[in-house]
């Protein structure tokens, strides 16, 4: 469950980083960024990098921009900024076939369109970019820029999700683990709260405690794609400190650097194992052949796939109160968006 978002001309893709960066002037704090290792330029070690195609999927879109951050910025703006950085760094590392996928349509149409496009282009990896929030009952209110906004300062950190319904669940887990370990190596921590009982129907199985990988079988973009797929919730934008940190180019560069390392490691592993670059799945009916020693019997077709259930676009967070730590200057939005 996501909090309903508002759509307004002042919330435009690409403005979020510049706007929130003003809040990081002296006096504003956004977590201990100094403890996080800065990425170094990465050149692909994978010999198939030039032909290896990663679809970097920007979560949500202009028609359904996702959750609102603690300061009222659409999740889509955060997703787009980070996805662009990952796309740029992958290309710079030698992954020239990388595709930045932007889908404006609302669910469910938009979700199935993403899957269809990725499958049609025979991608080697599907990588969805999101940012986390919380269900409505867990929200608290505060005043920002003269308006009532909502926040939850609990459970900062990222999380990674895969589906066992994917055409290549082992490949999905392998990439997700590589990503989680790369983020960990750069000093980033995942949030462990999805295993707690209070998450109820949002409780998830933690399949790798070192890398922070959870199982979420029902997500359409993870289960219906025919290549390994993973979804990254890069952090909690409803957490007021983490919201600021996630908006900085420096932090986005750290996440992008870890993503490039993970894609490269995954590409190398697949190449060494001699596995096909694209996972194939035949959804059509198959006819069983019989020896030519009698009358032919028509083979029974596979049953058609059942219709997909409705889902959220991505899992969201939960509960534990922390007091507000700072109140930014109230006039910053007017200076940015006028």
C-alpha atoms as a PDB file:
ATOM      1  CA  UNK A   1       0.000   0.000   0.000  1.00  0.00           C
ATOM      2  CA  UNK A   2       1.285   3.410  -1.005  1.00  0.00           C
ATOM      3  CA  UNK A   3       0.094   6.772   0.127  1.00  0.00           C
ATOM      4  CA  UNK A   4      -1.836   8.500  -2.647  1.00  0.00           C
ATOM      5  CA  UNK A   5       0.254  10.994  -4.577  1.00  0.00           C
ATOM      6  CA  UNK A   6      -0.610  14.426  -5.810  1.00  0.00           C
ATOM      7  CA  UNK A   7       0.251  15.669  -9.237  1.00  0.00           C
ATOM      8  CA  UNK A   8       1.209  19.296  -9.590  1.00  0.00           C
ATOM      9  CA  UNK A   9       3.154  21.381 -12.115  1.00  0.00           C
ATOM     10  CA  UNK A  10       5.800  22.305  -9.555  1.00  0.00           C
ATOM     11  CA  UNK A  11       6.850  18.639  -9.109  1.00  0.00           C
ATOM     12  CA  UNK A  12       8.808  18.001 -12.284  1.00  0.00           C
ATOM     13  CA  UNK A  13      11.174  15.135 -13.091  1.00  0.00           C
ATOM     14  CA  UNK A  14      14.760  16.276 -12.753  1.00  0.00           C
ATOM     15  CA  UNK A  15      14.100  19.098 -10.284  1.00  0.00           C
ATOM     16  CA  UNK A  16      14.165  17.014  -7.135  1.00  0.00           C
ATOM     17  CA  UNK A  17      17.937  16.793  -6.858  1.00  0.00           C
ATOM     18  CA  UNK A  18      18.493  20.517  -7.278  1.00  0.00           C
ATOM     19  CA  UNK A  19      15.678  21.375  -4.883  1.00  0.00           C
ATOM     20  CA  UNK A  20      16.677  19.071  -2.065  1.00  0.00           C
ATOM     21  CA  UNK A  21      20.368  19.865  -2.482  1.00  0.00           C
ATOM     22  CA  UNK A  22      19.633  23.350  -1.117  1.00  0.00           C
ATOM     23  CA  UNK A  23      18.700  21.664   2.139  1.00  0.00           C
ATOM     24  CA  UNK A  24      22.168  20.176   2.399  1.00  0.00           C
ATOM     25  CA  UNK A  25      23.795  23.556   2.934  1.00  0.00           C
ATOM     26  CA  UNK A  26      25.711  24.021   6.218  1.00  0.00           C
ATOM     27  CA  UNK A  27      23.366  23.363   9.119  1.00  0.00           C
ATOM     28  CA  UNK A  28      21.343  20.657   7.389  1.00  0.00           C
ATOM     29  CA  UNK A  29      22.231  17.031   8.024  1.00  0.00           C
ATOM     30  CA  UNK A  30      21.385  14.019   5.921  1.00  0.00           C
ATOM     31  CA  UNK A  31      23.022  11.047   7.569  1.00  0.00           C
ATOM     32  CA  UNK A  32      26.656  10.118   7.912  1.00  0.00           C
ATOM     33  CA  UNK A  33      27.724  10.379   4.286  1.00  0.00           C
ATOM     34  CA  UNK A  34      31.398  10.499   5.297  1.00  0.00           C
ATOM     35  CA  UNK A  35      31.227   6.867   6.413  1.00  0.00           C
ATOM     36  CA  UNK A  36      30.257   5.707   2.922  1.00  0.00           C
ATOM     37  CA  UNK A  37      32.978   4.674   0.505  1.00  0.00           C
ATOM     38  CA  UNK A  38      33.030   6.745  -2.693  1.00  0.00           C
ATOM     39  CA  UNK A  39      32.941   4.698  -5.908  1.00  0.00           C
ATOM     40  CA  UNK A  40      35.876   4.514  -8.282  1.00  0.00           C
ATOM     41  CA  UNK A  41      35.428   4.505 -12.078  1.00  0.00           C
ATOM     42  CA  UNK A  42      34.634   0.993 -13.251  1.00  0.00           C
ATOM     43  CA  UNK A  43      35.654  -0.628 -16.512  1.00  0.00           C
ATOM     44  CA  UNK A  44      33.800  -3.807 -17.352  1.00  0.00           C
ATOM     45  CA  UNK A  45      35.702  -7.046 -16.833  1.00  0.00           C
ATOM     46  CA  UNK A  46      33.029  -9.061 -18.640  1.00  0.00           C
ATOM     47  CA  UNK A  47      34.067  -9.977 -22.172  1.00  0.00           C
ATOM     48  CA  UNK A  48      30.401  -9.831 -23.229  1.00  0.00           C
ATOM     49  CA  UNK A  49      29.811  -6.336 -21.840  1.00  0.00           C
ATOM     50  CA  UNK A  50      29.341  -4.762 -25.270  1.00  0.00           C
ATOM     51  CA  UNK A  51      26.407  -7.057 -26.076  1.00  0.00           C
ATOM     52  CA  UNK A  52      25.003  -7.639 -22.581  1.00  0.00           C
ATOM     53  CA  UNK A  53      21.690  -5.797 -22.324  1.00  0.00           C
ATOM     54  CA  UNK A  54      20.422  -4.524 -18.963  1.00  0.00           C
ATOM     55  CA  UNK A  55      17.008  -2.879 -18.821  1.00  0.00           C
ATOM     56  CA  UNK A  56      17.106  -0.183 -16.122  1.00  0.00           C
ATOM     57  CA  UNK A  57      13.417   0.260 -15.348  1.00  0.00           C
ATOM     58  CA  UNK A  58      12.372   3.616 -13.859  1.00  0.00           C
ATOM     59  CA  UNK A  59       9.720   2.758 -11.277  1.00  0.00           C
ATOM     60  CA  UNK A  60       6.333   4.489 -11.713  1.00  0.00           C
ATOM     61  CA  UNK A  61       5.757   7.242 -14.284  1.00  0.00           C
ATOM     62  CA  UNK A  62       4.197  10.616 -14.961  1.00  0.00           C
ATOM     63  CA  UNK A  63       0.630   9.275 -14.813  1.00  0.00           C
ATOM     64  CA  UNK A  64       1.213   7.431 -11.521  1.00  0.00           C
ATOM     65  CA  UNK A  65       4.278   8.989  -9.841  1.00  0.00           C
ATOM     66  CA  UNK A  66       4.349   6.714  -6.789  1.00  0.00           C
ATOM     67  CA  UNK A  67       4.721   7.733  -3.158  1.00  0.00           C
ATOM     68  CA  UNK A  68       5.344  11.235  -1.832  1.00  0.00           C
ATOM     69  CA  UNK A  69       8.514  11.975   0.081  1.00  0.00           C
ATOM     70  CA  UNK A  70       8.580  13.641   3.491  1.00  0.00           C
ATOM     71  CA  UNK A  71       8.821  17.025   1.758  1.00  0.00           C
ATOM     72  CA  UNK A  72       6.185  16.285  -0.880  1.00  0.00           C
ATOM     73  CA  UNK A  73       8.339  15.223  -3.845  1.00  0.00           C
ATOM     74  CA  UNK A  74       7.149  12.401  -6.086  1.00  0.00           C
ATOM     75  CA  UNK A  75       8.944   9.071  -5.855  1.00  0.00           C
ATOM     76  CA  UNK A  76       9.166   9.020  -9.652  1.00  0.00           C
ATOM     77  CA  UNK A  77      11.536  12.011  -9.555  1.00  0.00           C
ATOM     78  CA  UNK A  78      13.902  10.114  -7.256  1.00  0.00           C
ATOM     79  CA  UNK A  79      13.600   6.957  -9.365  1.00  0.00           C
ATOM     80  CA  UNK A  80      14.347   8.800 -12.600  1.00  0.00           C
ATOM     81  CA  UNK A  81      17.390  10.627 -11.198  1.00  0.00           C
ATOM     82  CA  UNK A  82      18.967   7.427  -9.848  1.00  0.00           C
ATOM     83  CA  UNK A  83      18.098   5.321 -12.908  1.00  0.00           C
ATOM     84  CA  UNK A  84      19.701   7.895 -15.199  1.00  0.00           C
ATOM     85  CA  UNK A  85      22.876   7.783 -13.131  1.00  0.00           C
ATOM     86  CA  UNK A  86      22.961   3.970 -13.267  1.00  0.00           C
ATOM     87  CA  UNK A  87      22.337   3.997 -17.031  1.00  0.00           C
ATOM     88  CA  UNK A  88      25.134   6.543 -17.533  1.00  0.00           C
ATOM     89  CA  UNK A  89      27.644   4.598 -15.449  1.00  0.00           C
ATOM     90  CA  UNK A  90      26.809   1.265 -17.098  1.00  0.00           C
ATOM     91  CA  UNK A  91      27.402   2.770 -20.529  1.00  0.00           C
ATOM     92  CA  UNK A  92      30.635   4.382 -19.384  1.00  0.00           C
ATOM     93  CA  UNK A  93      31.833   0.994 -18.102  1.00  0.00           C
ATOM     94  CA  UNK A  94      31.277  -0.594 -21.521  1.00  0.00           C
ATOM     95  CA  UNK A  95      27.701  -1.898 -21.311  1.00  0.00           C
ATOM     96  CA  UNK A  96      26.650  -0.138 -24.505  1.00  0.00           C
ATOM     97  CA  UNK A  97      23.354  -2.016 -24.930  1.00  0.00           C
ATOM     98  CA  UNK A  98      21.897  -0.744 -21.645  1.00  0.00           C
ATOM     99  CA  UNK A  99      18.309   0.500 -21.998  1.00  0.00           C
ATOM    100  CA  UNK A 100      16.725   3.143 -19.750  1.00  0.00           C
ATOM    101  CA  UNK A 101      13.035   2.212 -19.671  1.00  0.00           C
ATOM    102  CA  UNK A 102      10.519   4.974 -18.911  1.00  0.00           C
ATOM    103  CA  UNK A 103       6.833   4.004 -18.872  1.00  0.00           C
ATOM    104  CA  UNK A 104       4.268   6.759 -18.234  1.00  0.00           C
ATOM    105  CA  UNK A 105       1.171   4.551 -18.053  1.00  0.00           C
ATOM    106  CA  UNK A 106      -0.559   3.635 -14.796  1.00  0.00           C
ATOM    107  CA  UNK A 107      -0.698   0.077 -13.446  1.00  0.00           C
ATOM    108  CA  UNK A 108      -1.754  -2.495 -14.498  1.00  0.00           C
ATOM    109  CA  UNK A 109      -1.312  -1.465 -18.127  1.00  0.00           C
ATOM    110  CA  UNK A 110       2.072   0.105 -17.432  1.00  0.00           C
ATOM    111  CA  UNK A 111       3.406  -2.944 -15.579  1.00  0.00           C
ATOM    112  CA  UNK A 112       2.534  -5.378 -18.365  1.00  0.00           C
ATOM    113  CA  UNK A 113       3.942  -2.942 -20.925  1.00  0.00           C
ATOM    114  CA  UNK A 114       7.305  -2.950 -19.110  1.00  0.00           C
ATOM    115  CA  UNK A 115       7.376  -6.737 -19.106  1.00  0.00           C
ATOM    116  CA  UNK A 116       6.424  -6.974 -22.771  1.00  0.00           C
ATOM    117  CA  UNK A 117       9.074  -4.482 -23.856  1.00  0.00           C
ATOM    118  CA  UNK A 118      11.824  -6.194 -21.867  1.00  0.00           C
ATOM    119  CA  UNK A 119      10.838  -9.618 -23.204  1.00  0.00           C
ATOM    120  CA  UNK A 120      10.598  -8.377 -26.792  1.00  0.00           C
ATOM    121  CA  UNK A 121      14.096  -6.903 -26.716  1.00  0.00           C
ATOM    122  CA  UNK A 122      15.464 -10.184 -25.258  1.00  0.00           C
ATOM    123  CA  UNK A 123      17.231  -8.401 -22.426  1.00  0.00           C
ATOM    124  CA  UNK A 124      19.781 -10.234 -20.298  1.00  0.00           C
ATOM    125  CA  UNK A 125      18.792  -8.532 -17.044  1.00  0.00           C
ATOM    126  CA  UNK A 126      15.832  -6.511 -15.755  1.00  0.00           C
ATOM    127  CA  UNK A 127      16.676  -4.039 -12.979  1.00  0.00           C
ATOM    128  CA  UNK A 128      13.814  -1.970 -11.489  1.00  0.00           C
ATOM    129  CA  UNK A 129      14.583   1.214  -9.517  1.00  0.00           C
ATOM    130  CA  UNK A 130      12.260   2.367  -6.719  1.00  0.00           C
ATOM    131  CA  UNK A 131      12.352   4.293  -3.432  1.00  0.00           C
ATOM    132  CA  UNK A 132      10.506   3.232  -0.299  1.00  0.00           C
ATOM    133  CA  UNK A 133       7.684   4.726   1.778  1.00  0.00           C
ATOM    134  CA  UNK A 134       5.232   3.371   4.373  1.00  0.00           C
ATOM    135  CA  UNK A 135       1.527   2.435   4.516  1.00  0.00           C
ATOM    136  CA  UNK A 136      -0.831   5.248   5.514  1.00  0.00           C
ATOM    137  CA  UNK A 137      -1.456   4.120   9.138  1.00  0.00           C
ATOM    138  CA  UNK A 138       2.254   4.481   9.893  1.00  0.00           C
ATOM    139  CA  UNK A 139       2.530   8.105   8.786  1.00  0.00           C
ATOM    140  CA  UNK A 140       3.114  11.037  11.113  1.00  0.00           C
ATOM    141  CA  UNK A 141       2.541  14.689  10.278  1.00  0.00           C
ATOM    142  CA  UNK A 142       4.782  17.734  10.349  1.00  0.00           C
ATOM    143  CA  UNK A 143       4.839  21.239   8.895  1.00  0.00           C
ATOM    144  CA  UNK A 144       7.138  21.955   5.986  1.00  0.00           C
ATOM    145  CA  UNK A 145       7.181  25.148   3.946  1.00  0.00           C
ATOM    146  CA  UNK A 146       3.933  26.179   5.628  1.00  0.00           C
ATOM    147  CA  UNK A 147       2.105  23.002   4.661  1.00  0.00           C
ATOM    148  CA  UNK A 148       1.195  19.778   6.389  1.00  0.00           C
ATOM    149  CA  UNK A 149       3.325  16.918   5.112  1.00  0.00           C
ATOM    150  CA  UNK A 150       3.769  13.311   6.203  1.00  0.00           C
ATOM    151  CA  UNK A 151       6.858  11.433   7.332  1.00  0.00           C
ATOM    152  CA  UNK A 152       8.112   8.308   9.041  1.00  0.00           C
ATOM    153  CA  UNK A 153      11.689   8.330  10.326  1.00  0.00           C
ATOM    154  CA  UNK A 154      11.842   4.563  10.861  1.00  0.00           C
ATOM    155  CA  UNK A 155      13.796   1.837   9.145  1.00  0.00           C
ATOM    156  CA  UNK A 156      16.184   3.661   6.824  1.00  0.00           C
ATOM    157  CA  UNK A 157      18.075   1.558   4.326  1.00  0.00           C
ATOM    158  CA  UNK A 158      17.611  -0.221   1.032  1.00  0.00           C
ATOM    159  CA  UNK A 159      16.050  -3.575   0.170  1.00  0.00           C
ATOM    160  CA  UNK A 160      16.231  -5.892  -2.842  1.00  0.00           C
ATOM    161  CA  UNK A 161      13.427  -8.137  -4.095  1.00  0.00           C
ATOM    162  CA  UNK A 162      13.219 -11.115  -6.437  1.00  0.00           C
ATOM    163  CA  UNK A 163      10.468 -13.534  -7.481  1.00  0.00           C
ATOM    164  CA  UNK A 164      10.657 -17.303  -7.554  1.00  0.00           C
ATOM    165  CA  UNK A 165       8.071 -17.113 -10.330  1.00  0.00           C
ATOM    166  CA  UNK A 166      10.645 -15.585 -12.677  1.00  0.00           C
ATOM    167  CA  UNK A 167      11.814 -17.614 -15.689  1.00  0.00           C
ATOM    168  CA  UNK A 168      15.303 -17.711 -14.137  1.00  0.00           C
ATOM    169  CA  UNK A 169      14.978 -17.500 -10.337  1.00  0.00           C
ATOM    170  CA  UNK A 170      18.553 -18.689  -9.755  1.00  0.00           C
ATOM    171  CA  UNK A 171      19.857 -15.944 -12.029  1.00  0.00           C
ATOM    172  CA  UNK A 172      17.656 -13.361 -10.306  1.00  0.00           C
ATOM    173  CA  UNK A 173      19.045 -14.365  -6.910  1.00  0.00           C
ATOM    174  CA  UNK A 174      22.630 -14.355  -8.199  1.00  0.00           C
ATOM    175  CA  UNK A 175      22.331 -10.780  -9.448  1.00  0.00           C
ATOM    176  CA  UNK A 176      20.440  -9.600  -6.349  1.00  0.00           C
ATOM    177  CA  UNK A 177      23.144 -11.047  -4.092  1.00  0.00           C
ATOM    178  CA  UNK A 178      25.878  -9.388  -6.147  1.00  0.00           C
ATOM    179  CA  UNK A 179      24.042  -6.067  -5.868  1.00  0.00           C
ATOM    180  CA  UNK A 180      23.463  -6.366  -2.131  1.00  0.00           C
ATOM    181  CA  UNK A 181      27.074  -7.258  -1.431  1.00  0.00           C
ATOM    182  CA  UNK A 182      28.317  -4.397  -3.624  1.00  0.00           C
ATOM    183  CA  UNK A 183      26.103  -1.909  -1.751  1.00  0.00           C
ATOM    184  CA  UNK A 184      27.364  -3.346   1.539  1.00  0.00           C
ATOM    185  CA  UNK A 185      30.984  -2.975   0.396  1.00  0.00           C
ATOM    186  CA  UNK A 186      30.297   0.745  -0.138  1.00  0.00           C
ATOM    187  CA  UNK A 187      29.013   1.131   3.419  1.00  0.00           C
ATOM    188  CA  UNK A 188      25.267   0.972   2.734  1.00  0.00           C
ATOM    189  CA  UNK A 189      22.920  -1.057   4.938  1.00  0.00           C
ATOM    190  CA  UNK A 190      19.695  -2.822   4.099  1.00  0.00           C
ATOM    191  CA  UNK A 191      16.584  -2.625   6.263  1.00  0.00           C
ATOM    192  CA  UNK A 192      15.726  -5.916   8.019  1.00  0.00           C
ATOM    193  CA  UNK A 193      12.190  -5.044   9.119  1.00  0.00           C
ATOM    194  CA  UNK A 194      10.387  -6.951   6.352  1.00  0.00           C
ATOM    195  CA  UNK A 195      10.892 -10.147   8.369  1.00  0.00           C
ATOM    196  CA  UNK A 196       8.988  -8.810  11.397  1.00  0.00           C
ATOM    197  CA  UNK A 197       5.519 -10.078  12.369  1.00  0.00           C
ATOM    198  CA  UNK A 198       4.063  -6.573  12.485  1.00  0.00           C
ATOM    199  CA  UNK A 199       4.493  -6.379   8.693  1.00  0.00           C
ATOM    200  CA  UNK A 200       1.557  -8.822   8.412  1.00  0.00           C
ATOM    201  CA  UNK A 201       0.718  -9.405   4.741  1.00  0.00           C
ATOM    202  CA  UNK A 202       3.805  -7.409   3.757  1.00  0.00           C
ATOM    203  CA  UNK A 203       6.129  -9.692   5.633  1.00  0.00           C
ATOM    204  CA  UNK A 204       8.751 -11.181   3.296  1.00  0.00           C
ATOM    205  CA  UNK A 205      11.135 -14.091   3.401  1.00  0.00           C
ATOM    206  CA  UNK A 206      14.750 -12.950   3.706  1.00  0.00           C
ATOM    207  CA  UNK A 207      16.568 -15.271   1.321  1.00  0.00           C
ATOM    208  CA  UNK A 208      20.038 -13.793   1.853  1.00  0.00           C
ATOM    209  CA  UNK A 209      20.838 -12.138   5.173  1.00  0.00           C
ATOM    210  CA  UNK A 210      24.254 -10.899   4.041  1.00  0.00           C
ATOM    211  CA  UNK A 211      23.018  -9.142   0.899  1.00  0.00           C
ATOM    212  CA  UNK A 212      19.548  -8.062   2.061  1.00  0.00           C
ATOM    213  CA  UNK A 213      17.597  -9.961  -0.592  1.00  0.00           C
ATOM    214  CA  UNK A 214      13.900 -10.651  -0.039  1.00  0.00           C
ATOM    215  CA  UNK A 215      11.462 -12.863  -1.895  1.00  0.00           C
ATOM    216  CA  UNK A 216       8.365 -11.180  -3.349  1.00  0.00           C
ATOM    217  CA  UNK A 217       6.877 -13.650  -5.796  1.00  0.00           C
ATOM    218  CA  UNK A 218       3.786 -11.692  -6.890  1.00  0.00           C
ATOM    219  CA  UNK A 219       5.399  -8.605  -8.418  1.00  0.00           C
ATOM    220  CA  UNK A 220       4.523  -8.524 -12.112  1.00  0.00           C
ATOM    221  CA  UNK A 221       7.798  -7.046 -13.336  1.00  0.00           C
ATOM    222  CA  UNK A 222       9.753  -9.699 -11.445  1.00  0.00           C
ATOM    223  CA  UNK A 223       7.707 -12.823 -12.150  1.00  0.00           C
ATOM    224  CA  UNK A 224       6.654 -12.269 -15.776  1.00  0.00           C
ATOM    225  CA  UNK A 225       9.989 -11.184 -17.214  1.00  0.00           C
ATOM    226  CA  UNK A 226      11.851 -13.936 -19.105  1.00  0.00           C
ATOM    227  CA  UNK A 227      15.274 -12.905 -17.887  1.00  0.00           C
ATOM    228  CA  UNK A 228      16.766 -12.554 -14.377  1.00  0.00           C
ATOM    229  CA  UNK A 229      15.056  -9.654 -12.608  1.00  0.00           C
ATOM    230  CA  UNK A 230      15.481  -7.711  -9.374  1.00  0.00           C
ATOM    231  CA  UNK A 231      13.877  -4.633  -7.821  1.00  0.00           C
ATOM    232  CA  UNK A 232      15.869  -2.199  -5.704  1.00  0.00           C
ATOM    233  CA  UNK A 233      14.188   0.008  -3.117  1.00  0.00           C
ATOM    234  CA  UNK A 234      17.121   2.406  -2.860  1.00  0.00           C
ATOM    235  CA  UNK A 235      16.077   3.902   0.476  1.00  0.00           C
ATOM    236  CA  UNK A 236      13.188   5.498   2.356  1.00  0.00           C
ATOM    237  CA  UNK A 237      12.114   8.885   0.992  1.00  0.00           C
ATOM    238  CA  UNK A 238       9.503   9.209   3.743  1.00  0.00           C
ATOM    239  CA  UNK A 239      12.391   9.270   6.251  1.00  0.00           C
ATOM    240  CA  UNK A 240      13.365  12.948   6.485  1.00  0.00           C
ATOM    241  CA  UNK A 241      17.119  12.427   6.816  1.00  0.00           C
ATOM    242  CA  UNK A 242      17.376   9.683   4.231  1.00  0.00           C
ATOM    243  CA  UNK A 243      15.226  11.660   1.793  1.00  0.00           C
ATOM    244  CA  UNK A 244      17.892  14.380   1.740  1.00  0.00           C
ATOM    245  CA  UNK A 245      20.726  11.889   1.355  1.00  0.00           C
ATOM    246  CA  UNK A 246      19.029  10.045  -1.502  1.00  0.00           C
ATOM    247  CA  UNK A 247      18.681  13.327  -3.417  1.00  0.00           C
ATOM    248  CA  UNK A 248      22.408  14.061  -3.488  1.00  0.00           C
ATOM    249  CA  UNK A 249      24.434  13.298  -6.628  1.00  0.00           C
ATOM    250  CA  UNK A 250      27.180  11.876  -4.411  1.00  0.00           C
ATOM    251  CA  UNK A 251      24.897   9.251  -2.886  1.00  0.00           C
ATOM    252  CA  UNK A 252      23.340   8.410  -6.242  1.00  0.00           C
ATOM    253  CA  UNK A 253      26.849   7.902  -7.621  1.00  0.00           C
ATOM    254  CA  UNK A 254      27.618   5.443  -4.823  1.00  0.00           C
ATOM    255  CA  UNK A 255      24.506   3.374  -5.571  1.00  0.00           C
ATOM    256  CA  UNK A 256      25.187   3.551  -9.315  1.00  0.00           C
ATOM    257  CA  UNK A 257      28.785   2.428  -8.808  1.00  0.00           C
ATOM    258  CA  UNK A 258      27.640  -0.576  -6.787  1.00  0.00           C
ATOM    259  CA  UNK A 259      25.063  -1.395  -9.464  1.00  0.00           C
ATOM    260  CA  UNK A 260      27.728  -1.380 -12.199  1.00  0.00           C
ATOM    261  CA  UNK A 261      29.957  -3.679 -10.141  1.00  0.00           C
ATOM    262  CA  UNK A 262      27.044  -6.072  -9.640  1.00  0.00           C
ATOM    263  CA  UNK A 263      26.039  -6.112 -13.312  1.00  0.00           C
ATOM    264  CA  UNK A 264      29.655  -6.719 -14.326  1.00  0.00           C
ATOM    265  CA  UNK A 265      30.103  -9.550 -11.803  1.00  0.00           C
ATOM    266  CA  UNK A 266      26.842 -11.124 -12.964  1.00  0.00           C
ATOM    267  CA  UNK A 267      27.866 -10.858 -16.621  1.00  0.00           C
ATOM    268  CA  UNK A 268      31.248 -12.455 -15.864  1.00  0.00           C
ATOM    269  CA  UNK A 269      29.641 -15.300 -13.899  1.00  0.00           C
ATOM    270  CA  UNK A 270      27.167 -16.068 -16.670  1.00  0.00           C
ATOM    271  CA  UNK A 271      29.909 -16.060 -19.269  1.00  0.00           C
ATOM    272  CA  UNK A 272      32.151 -18.391 -17.268  1.00  0.00           C
ATOM    273  CA  UNK A 273      29.301 -20.782 -16.571  1.00  0.00           C
ATOM    274  CA  UNK A 274      28.502 -20.922 -20.273  1.00  0.00           C
ATOM    275  CA  UNK A 275      24.889 -19.979 -19.630  1.00  0.00           C
ATOM    276  CA  UNK A 276      22.857 -18.293 -22.350  1.00  0.00           C
ATOM    277  CA  UNK A 277      22.847 -14.517 -22.198  1.00  0.00           C
ATOM    278  CA  UNK A 278      19.043 -14.422 -22.456  1.00  0.00           C
ATOM    279  CA  UNK A 279      16.851 -16.736 -20.401  1.00  0.00           C
ATOM    280  CA  UNK A 280      14.228 -18.236 -22.709  1.00  0.00           C
ATOM    281  CA  UNK A 281      10.791 -19.452 -21.731  1.00  0.00           C
ATOM    282  CA  UNK A 282       8.303 -21.008 -24.142  1.00  0.00           C
ATOM    283  CA  UNK A 283       4.806 -20.036 -23.049  1.00  0.00           C
ATOM    284  CA  UNK A 284       3.149 -21.627 -26.066  1.00  0.00           C
ATOM    285  CA  UNK A 285       1.591 -25.100 -26.242  1.00  0.00           C
ATOM    286  CA  UNK A 286       3.883 -28.045 -26.823  1.00  0.00           C
ATOM    287  CA  UNK A 287       2.932 -31.149 -28.778  1.00  0.00           C
ATOM    288  CA  UNK A 288       4.344 -34.474 -27.605  1.00  0.00           C
ATOM    289  CA  UNK A 289       5.847 -36.594 -30.400  1.00  0.00           C
ATOM    290  CA  UNK A 290       5.216 -40.317 -30.424  1.00  0.00           C
ATOM    291  CA  UNK A 291       7.106 -43.083 -32.253  1.00  0.00           C
ATOM    292  CA  UNK A 292       5.688 -43.890 -35.692  1.00  0.00           C
ATOM    293  CA  UNK A 293       4.308 -47.248 -34.616  1.00  0.00           C
ATOM    294  CA  UNK A 294       0.628 -46.555 -34.414  1.00  0.00           C
ATOM    295  CA  UNK A 295      -2.060 -43.957 -34.768  1.00  0.00           C
ATOM    296  CA  UNK A 296      -1.107 -40.458 -33.671  1.00  0.00           C
ATOM    297  CA  UNK A 297      -2.634 -39.028 -30.522  1.00  0.00           C
ATOM    298  CA  UNK A 298      -3.063 -35.287 -30.231  1.00  0.00           C
ATOM    299  CA  UNK A 299      -0.880 -33.906 -27.484  1.00  0.00           C
ATOM    300  CA  UNK A 300      -2.509 -32.060 -24.629  1.00  0.00           C
ATOM    301  CA  UNK A 301      -1.736 -28.340 -24.594  1.00  0.00           C
ATOM    302  CA  UNK A 302      -0.445 -26.586 -21.555  1.00  0.00           C
ATOM    303  CA  UNK A 303      -3.114 -24.667 -19.735  1.00  0.00           C
ATOM    304  CA  UNK A 304      -3.026 -20.913 -20.467  1.00  0.00           C
ATOM    305  CA  UNK A 305      -1.403 -18.780 -17.828  1.00  0.00           C
ATOM    306  CA  UNK A 306      -3.750 -17.532 -15.162  1.00  0.00           C
ATOM    307  CA  UNK A 307      -4.492 -13.840 -15.061  1.00  0.00           C
ATOM    308  CA  UNK A 308      -2.143 -11.825 -12.877  1.00  0.00           C
ATOM    309  CA  UNK A 309      -3.399 -10.582  -9.554  1.00  0.00           C
ATOM    310  CA  UNK A 310      -3.305  -6.913  -8.756  1.00  0.00           C
ATOM    311  CA  UNK A 311      -0.275  -5.836  -6.811  1.00  0.00           C
ATOM    312  CA  UNK A 312       1.474  -2.825  -5.497  1.00  0.00           C
ATOM    313  CA  UNK A 313       4.391  -1.568  -7.577  1.00  0.00           C
ATOM    314  CA  UNK A 314       6.764  -2.301  -4.744  1.00  0.00           C
ATOM    315  CA  UNK A 315       6.860  -3.130  -1.067  1.00  0.00           C
ATOM    316  CA  UNK A 316       6.867  -0.363   1.496  1.00  0.00           C
ATOM    317  CA  UNK A 317       8.009   0.125   5.115  1.00  0.00           C
ATOM    318  CA  UNK A 318       6.808   0.051   8.832  1.00  0.00           C
ATOM    319  CA  UNK A 319       6.886   1.097  12.514  1.00  0.00           C
ATOM    320  CA  UNK A 320       9.032   2.713  15.268  1.00  0.00           C
ATOM    321  CA  UNK A 321       8.939   6.416  16.233  1.00  0.00           C
ATOM    322  CA  UNK A 322      11.906   8.785  16.057  1.00  0.00           C
ATOM    323  CA  UNK A 323      11.619  12.548  16.740  1.00  0.00           C
ATOM    324  CA  UNK A 324      12.214  15.096  14.002  1.00  0.00           C
ATOM    325  CA  UNK A 325      15.836  16.193  13.868  1.00  0.00           C
ATOM    326  CA  UNK A 326      15.684  19.359  11.801  1.00  0.00           C
ATOM    327  CA  UNK A 327      13.341  21.736  10.046  1.00  0.00           C
ATOM    328  CA  UNK A 328      14.764  23.168   6.812  1.00  0.00           C
ATOM    329  CA  UNK A 329      14.288  26.744   5.730  1.00  0.00           C
ATOM    330  CA  UNK A 330      10.678  27.243   4.603  1.00  0.00           C
ATOM    331  CA  UNK A 331      11.298  29.292   1.458  1.00  0.00           C
ATOM    332  CA  UNK A 332      13.525  26.894  -0.509  1.00  0.00           C
ATOM    333  CA  UNK A 333      10.757  25.422  -2.702  1.00  0.00           C
ATOM    334  CA  UNK A 334       9.568  28.844  -3.841  1.00  0.00           C
ATOM    335  CA  UNK A 335      13.120  29.796  -4.861  1.00  0.00           C
ATOM    336  CA  UNK A 336      13.524  26.597  -6.886  1.00  0.00           C
ATOM    337  CA  UNK A 337      10.180  26.317  -8.641  1.00  0.00           C
ATOM    338  CA  UNK A 338       9.353  29.984  -9.344  1.00  0.00           C
END
